[in-house]
Protein backbone atom coordinates (compact mmCIF):
# COMPACT_ATOMS: atom_id res chain seq x y z
CA UNK A 1 99.27 88.34 91.82
CA UNK A 2 99.37 85.45 94.22
CA UNK A 3 96.11 85.70 96.13
CA UNK A 4 93.95 83.15 98.01
CA UNK A 5 92.53 80.65 95.54
CA UNK A 6 89.85 79.10 97.79
CA UNK A 7 87.25 81.52 99.20
CA UNK A 8 86.56 81.33 102.91
CA UNK A 9 83.40 82.54 104.69
CA UNK A 10 85.13 85.47 106.38
CA UNK A 11 86.28 86.75 102.98
CA UNK A 12 82.73 87.56 101.89
CA UNK A 13 82.22 89.91 104.82
CA UNK A 14 85.26 92.01 104.02
CA UNK A 15 85.56 91.85 100.24
CA UNK A 16 83.47 94.75 98.93
CA UNK A 17 84.93 95.07 95.45
CA UNK A 18 82.72 95.51 92.39
CA UNK A 19 79.93 92.91 92.15
CA UNK A 20 80.29 89.77 89.98
CA UNK A 21 79.82 90.58 86.31
CA UNK A 22 80.72 94.25 86.83
CA UNK A 23 81.61 95.75 83.43
CA UNK A 24 83.81 98.76 84.05
CA UNK A 25 83.99 99.56 80.35
CA UNK A 26 80.21 100.03 80.25
CA UNK A 27 80.30 102.72 82.95
CA UNK A 28 79.80 106.19 81.43
CA UNK A 29 82.71 108.58 81.05
CA UNK A 30 82.26 111.47 83.46
CA UNK A 31 85.21 113.53 82.24
CA UNK A 32 88.53 113.36 80.40
CA UNK A 33 91.62 114.95 81.95
CA UNK A 34 92.83 116.60 78.72
CA UNK A 35 93.09 120.03 80.35
CA UNK A 36 95.61 118.87 82.95
CA UNK A 37 99.35 119.55 82.83
CA UNK A 38 101.26 117.36 80.38
CA UNK A 39 104.47 115.56 81.31
CA UNK A 40 107.43 116.77 79.26
CA UNK A 41 108.87 114.15 76.91
CA UNK A 42 112.27 115.04 78.36
CA UNK A 43 111.15 113.48 81.65
CA UNK A 44 110.36 110.12 80.06
CA UNK A 45 113.95 109.04 79.49
CA UNK A 46 115.61 106.46 81.78
CA UNK A 47 118.09 109.04 83.03
CA UNK A 48 115.40 111.61 83.85
CA UNK A 49 113.28 109.03 85.65
CA UNK A 50 116.24 107.91 87.76
CA UNK A 51 116.98 111.51 88.68
CA UNK A 52 113.36 112.13 89.61
CA UNK A 53 113.22 109.16 91.99
CA UNK A 54 116.65 109.92 93.46
CA UNK A 55 115.71 113.55 94.20
CA UNK A 56 111.92 113.74 94.26
CA UNK A 57 110.20 117.12 94.58
CA UNK A 58 107.46 117.87 97.05
CA UNK A 59 104.32 116.25 95.69
CA UNK A 60 101.12 114.60 96.87
CA UNK A 61 99.70 111.26 95.70
CA UNK A 62 96.17 111.33 94.37
CA UNK A 63 93.44 110.11 96.70
CA UNK A 64 90.89 108.19 94.65
CA UNK A 65 87.37 107.17 95.59
CA UNK A 66 88.67 103.61 95.95
CA UNK A 67 91.22 104.77 98.52
CA UNK A 68 88.57 106.72 100.42
CA UNK A 69 86.24 103.73 100.48
CA UNK A 70 88.96 101.46 101.85
CA UNK A 71 89.73 103.93 104.62
CA UNK A 72 86.09 104.68 105.48
CA UNK A 73 85.12 101.00 105.56
CA UNK A 74 88.24 99.99 107.49
CA UNK A 75 88.72 97.11 105.05
CA UNK A 76 92.41 96.51 105.70
CA UNK A 77 92.00 96.45 109.49
CA UNK A 78 89.15 93.94 109.14
CA UNK A 79 91.34 91.69 107.03
CA UNK A 80 94.15 91.94 109.55
CA UNK A 81 91.72 91.04 112.35
CA UNK A 82 91.01 87.66 110.73
CA UNK A 83 94.68 86.98 110.08
CA UNK A 84 94.87 88.02 106.46
CA UNK A 85 98.02 89.38 104.81
CA UNK A 86 97.40 92.96 103.72
CA UNK A 87 100.83 94.05 102.47
CA UNK A 88 101.50 93.61 98.76
CA UNK A 89 103.74 94.98 96.03
CA UNK A 90 103.71 95.22 92.26
CA UNK A 91 106.43 95.90 89.73
CA UNK A 92 105.88 98.71 87.25
CA UNK A 93 108.18 97.35 84.53
CA UNK A 94 109.47 100.04 82.16
CA UNK A 95 110.84 98.27 79.11
CA UNK A 96 113.90 99.83 77.49
CA UNK A 97 113.19 99.95 73.76
CA UNK A 98 114.67 101.83 70.83
CA UNK A 99 111.60 104.03 70.50
CA UNK A 100 111.39 104.87 74.19
CA UNK A 101 110.02 103.32 77.36
CA UNK A 102 107.07 100.93 77.29
CA UNK A 103 105.11 99.55 80.24
CA UNK A 104 104.69 95.78 80.54
CA UNK A 105 101.22 94.82 81.78
CA UNK A 106 99.42 91.56 82.44
CA UNK A 107 95.86 90.43 81.76
CA UNK A 108 94.61 88.39 84.68
CA UNK A 109 92.68 85.16 84.15
CA UNK A 110 88.90 85.27 84.49
CA UNK A 111 88.53 82.74 87.30
CA UNK A 112 90.54 84.58 89.96
CA UNK A 113 88.68 85.83 93.03
CA UNK A 114 90.33 89.24 93.18
CA UNK A 115 90.37 91.49 90.08
CA UNK A 116 89.51 88.63 87.71
CA UNK A 117 90.12 89.46 84.05
CA UNK A 118 91.53 92.87 84.84
CA UNK A 119 94.76 94.41 83.60
CA UNK A 120 97.42 94.71 86.26
CA UNK A 121 101.11 94.96 86.99
CA UNK A 122 102.90 91.75 87.95
CA UNK A 123 102.94 91.41 91.70
CA UNK A 124 101.12 90.09 94.74
CA UNK A 125 101.04 89.80 98.50
CA UNK A 126 104.18 89.75 100.59
CA UNK A 127 105.45 86.37 101.76
CA UNK A 128 107.14 85.96 105.16
CA UNK A 129 110.54 85.48 103.52
CA UNK A 130 110.31 88.74 101.57
CA UNK A 131 112.56 91.37 103.11
CA UNK A 132 111.00 94.34 101.31
CA UNK A 133 108.39 95.34 98.73
CA UNK A 134 111.15 95.10 96.13
CA UNK A 135 111.68 91.43 97.04
CA UNK A 136 107.96 90.81 96.68
CA UNK A 137 107.67 92.59 93.34
CA UNK A 138 110.66 90.78 91.82
CA UNK A 139 109.65 87.36 93.17
CA UNK A 140 106.07 87.70 91.97
CA UNK A 141 107.22 88.92 88.55
CA UNK A 142 109.39 85.82 88.21
CA UNK A 143 106.53 83.56 89.27
CA UNK A 144 103.83 85.20 87.17
CA UNK A 145 105.56 86.02 83.90
CA UNK A 146 109.06 84.53 84.17
CA UNK A 147 110.75 87.94 84.32
CA UNK A 148 114.45 87.51 85.10
CA UNK A 149 115.22 89.78 88.06
CA UNK A 150 118.74 90.26 86.73
CA UNK A 151 117.21 92.21 83.86
CA UNK A 152 115.53 94.68 86.24
CA UNK A 153 117.06 97.86 87.65
CA UNK A 154 114.93 99.20 90.49
CA UNK A 155 114.82 103.01 90.40
CA UNK A 156 112.24 103.82 93.05
CA UNK A 157 108.86 103.34 94.69
CA UNK A 158 105.52 105.09 94.62
CA UNK A 159 103.30 105.62 97.69
CA UNK A 160 101.20 102.70 98.87
CA UNK A 161 97.88 102.28 97.07
CA UNK A 162 94.88 100.93 99.01
CA UNK A 163 92.62 98.53 97.11
CA UNK A 164 89.04 97.45 97.78
CA UNK A 165 90.25 93.85 97.83
CA UNK A 166 91.98 94.73 101.10
CA UNK A 167 95.62 95.27 100.23
CA UNK A 168 98.09 98.07 100.81
CA UNK A 169 100.15 97.84 97.62
CA UNK A 170 103.61 99.33 97.11
CA UNK A 171 104.35 100.04 93.43
CA UNK A 172 108.04 99.34 92.69
CA UNK A 173 109.35 101.01 89.54
CA UNK A 174 112.06 99.30 87.50
CA UNK A 175 113.84 99.68 84.17
CA UNK A 176 113.73 96.36 82.35
CA UNK A 177 115.81 94.87 79.58
CA UNK A 178 113.07 93.25 77.51
CA UNK A 179 113.04 89.46 77.21
CA UNK A 180 112.44 87.59 73.97
CA UNK A 181 109.53 85.78 75.60
CA UNK A 182 107.74 85.49 78.94
CA UNK A 183 106.70 82.28 80.67
CA UNK A 184 103.23 82.87 82.10
CA UNK A 185 101.67 81.31 85.17
CA UNK A 186 98.59 79.99 83.36
CA UNK A 187 96.49 79.99 86.52
CA UNK A 188 96.90 83.71 87.11
CA UNK A 189 98.01 85.36 83.87
CA UNK A 190 96.16 85.10 80.57
CA UNK A 191 98.41 87.43 78.57
CA UNK A 192 101.13 90.09 78.69
CA UNK A 193 101.32 93.17 76.48
CA UNK A 194 103.11 96.51 76.20
CA UNK A 195 101.89 100.11 76.19
CA UNK A 196 104.01 103.22 75.51
CA UNK A 197 104.78 105.06 78.74
CA UNK A 198 104.11 108.34 76.93
CA UNK A 199 100.53 107.19 76.24
CA UNK A 200 99.84 106.17 79.83
CA UNK A 201 101.20 109.44 81.26
CA UNK A 202 99.31 111.71 78.86
CA UNK A 203 96.34 113.11 80.82
CA UNK A 204 94.36 113.32 77.56
CA UNK A 205 94.17 109.51 77.80
CA UNK A 206 92.93 109.54 81.41
CA UNK A 207 89.19 109.06 81.68
CA UNK A 208 87.14 109.48 84.86
CA UNK A 209 84.13 107.15 84.94
CA UNK A 210 81.25 107.46 87.39
CA UNK A 211 79.64 104.27 88.70
CA UNK A 212 76.27 104.70 90.40
CA UNK A 213 75.18 102.03 92.86
CA UNK A 214 72.88 101.70 95.87
CA UNK A 215 75.77 102.92 98.03
CA UNK A 216 76.12 106.06 95.92
CA UNK A 217 78.49 107.17 93.18
CA UNK A 218 82.11 106.10 92.88
CA UNK A 219 84.58 107.49 90.36
CA UNK A 220 87.49 105.57 88.92
CA UNK A 221 90.12 106.10 86.25
CA UNK A 222 90.37 104.27 82.96
CA UNK A 223 93.03 104.42 80.24
CA UNK A 224 91.84 102.43 77.21
CA UNK A 225 94.61 101.44 74.80
CA UNK A 226 93.75 99.72 71.53
CA UNK A 227 91.68 96.67 72.58
CA UNK A 228 92.83 96.81 76.23
CA UNK A 229 90.87 98.44 79.03
CA UNK A 230 93.16 99.63 81.83
CA UNK A 231 91.27 100.83 84.90
CA UNK A 232 90.95 100.73 88.68
CA UNK A 233 94.01 100.29 90.87
CA UNK A 234 96.39 99.95 87.91
CA UNK A 235 95.19 103.25 86.47
CA UNK A 236 95.32 104.82 89.94
CA UNK A 237 98.97 103.87 90.39
CA UNK A 238 99.80 105.22 86.94
CA UNK A 239 98.12 108.48 87.92
CA UNK A 240 100.51 108.78 90.85
CA UNK A 241 103.47 108.26 88.52
CA UNK A 242 101.99 111.01 86.38
CA UNK A 243 101.69 113.35 89.39
CA UNK A 244 105.28 112.68 90.40
CA UNK A 245 106.56 113.58 86.94
CA UNK A 246 104.31 116.55 86.15
CA UNK A 247 105.56 118.56 89.14
CA UNK A 248 108.40 120.24 87.24
CA UNK A 249 105.84 121.95 85.06
CA UNK A 250 103.16 122.52 87.67
CA UNK A 251 103.56 124.70 90.72
CA UNK A 252 100.26 123.75 92.32
CA UNK A 253 100.61 123.08 96.02
CA UNK A 254 97.18 121.54 96.54
CA UNK A 255 96.76 117.77 96.74
CA UNK A 256 95.14 116.22 93.64
CA UNK A 257 91.93 114.40 94.38
CA UNK A 258 89.51 112.31 92.37
């Protein structure tokens, strides 16, 4: 993501993300969501995903502890009060491959101020010239990993996700014709890799971890894959994609909540 590269004094007062050196992978697993409804494999085809976004059912996004903290602490309003941009967008790139859909993810560089070293979707804050979250997601994907926007078919959006770094992020979902190689912005992106969509949407791979601090406990999702540790906002957005797709098999009317 394209975020401020030089910290300013007012940032410290409103950035309440995990402390420096925070090791999410070392936080104990509180529970695994293996008993939750599975998404049918029939819903993981490009055609089924398009149909789902074109005619979505009634469903509720999951409210995570991160979301609650942002709301309770009024983080976004505080950023807006000092003139900070708070709107952002990411692209959830679904790669079209012979063996199904895969999700393209990035590993952020370790020196970034926000979410350093974490796994994320390509994306960033909205620029004044961006006309929509889709514009932001496609522009940032070009800048960060050299993804040709002509290879992307946008099929829908997920609800905004509030992050502790002070952004209201719109996830933009797109089907992507895979490129032979990606040109990375070396300042922001250390690596790109792919994960099967079926793995990321299987609740048996969704871990809830419980972090205890002086401010109390906070739960967050993680989805480890091979040697990659996917957690935080990225995992939270994937959970909402899961909730959107599981609805055909689940007739629960209550809002999911972490």
